[in-house]
Amino acid sequence: MVPEATKALSEKQVVTHEFVNSLTSVRSLSALLADYPGLDAGDRNRFINIVRDETERLVRLMDRLNVVTETTA
């Protein structure tokens, strides 16, 4: 189901929005993790999980767009 706010947007605009949101989250949280090595373990784990979730979301989006991806386990 497409959210009501995105119905008027083109597919390209939606995809661009999704990429920008995920990349912004990853960039911000990775900077936070690097700049504040003394974060408590709970916050650190929460931020790492968000980065992991966002990168997986980007991979799914790329797969949906048939972008060739090579992943390493």
Protein backbone atom coordinates (compact mmCIF):
# COMPACT_ATOMS: atom_id res chain seq x y z
CA MET A 1 0.00 0.00 0.00
CA VAL A 2 1.38 3.39 -1.03
CA PRO A 3 1.13 6.13 1.62
CA GLU A 4 -1.37 8.87 0.73
CA ALA A 5 1.34 11.55 0.68
CA THR A 6 3.32 9.74 -2.03
CA LYS A 7 0.45 8.96 -4.42
CA ALA A 8 1.05 12.17 -6.38
CA LEU A 9 4.79 11.56 -6.66
CA SER A 10 6.37 9.82 -9.60
CA GLU A 11 8.10 6.48 -9.09
CA LYS A 12 11.43 8.22 -9.61
CA GLN A 13 10.65 10.78 -6.91
CA VAL A 14 9.63 8.05 -4.46
CA VAL A 15 12.79 6.03 -5.13
CA THR A 16 14.95 9.14 -4.79
CA HIS A 17 13.23 9.99 -1.51
CA GLU A 18 13.78 6.47 -0.18
CA PHE A 19 17.48 6.51 -1.10
CA VAL A 20 18.06 9.96 0.38
CA ASN A 21 16.33 9.08 3.65
CA SER A 22 18.28 5.86 4.12
CA LEU A 23 21.61 7.38 3.14
CA THR A 24 21.05 10.35 5.45
CA SER A 25 20.36 7.99 8.35
CA VAL A 26 23.44 5.89 7.63
CA ARG A 27 25.68 8.94 7.22
CA SER A 28 24.41 10.64 10.39
CA LEU A 29 24.59 7.56 12.58
CA SER A 30 28.01 6.49 11.32
CA ALA A 31 29.33 10.00 12.07
CA LEU A 32 27.79 9.84 15.53
CA LEU A 33 29.36 6.45 16.19
CA ALA A 34 32.77 7.71 15.02
CA ASP A 35 32.64 11.04 16.85
CA TYR A 36 31.40 9.66 20.18
CA PRO A 37 33.25 6.42 20.95
CA GLY A 38 32.08 6.65 24.57
CA LEU A 39 28.41 6.09 23.76
CA ASP A 40 26.84 3.61 26.10
CA ALA A 41 26.46 0.09 24.74
CA GLY A 42 22.68 0.34 24.41
CA ASP A 43 22.79 3.44 22.22
CA ARG A 44 25.71 2.08 20.20
CA ASN A 45 23.85 -1.19 19.49
CA ARG A 46 20.65 0.66 18.61
CA PHE A 47 22.49 2.91 16.15
CA ILE A 48 24.36 -0.03 14.60
CA ASN A 49 21.06 -1.88 14.14
CA ILE A 50 19.54 1.15 12.42
CA VAL A 51 22.53 1.39 10.06
CA ARG A 52 22.19 -2.33 9.30
CA ASP A 53 18.43 -2.03 8.70
CA GLU A 54 18.84 0.98 6.43
CA THR A 55 21.55 -0.66 4.33
CA GLU A 56 19.39 -3.77 3.96
CA ARG A 57 16.53 -1.52 2.90
CA LEU A 58 18.74 0.05 0.24
CA VAL A 59 19.77 -3.37 -1.06
CA ARG A 60 16.10 -4.42 -1.29
CA LEU A 61 15.30 -1.21 -3.15
CA MET A 62 18.17 -1.80 -5.56
CA ASP A 63 16.98 -5.36 -6.12
CA ARG A 64 13.49 -4.05 -6.82
CA LEU A 65 14.98 -1.71 -9.40
CA ASN A 66 16.95 -4.60 -10.91
CA VAL A 67 20.24 -2.93 -10.06
CA VAL A 68 22.96 -5.56 -10.11
CA THR A 69 24.38 -5.92 -6.61
CA GLU A 70 27.18 -8.05 -5.36
CA THR A 71 27.07 -8.84 -1.67
CA THR A 72 29.66 -10.54 0.43
CA ALA A 73 28.75 -12.63 3.40
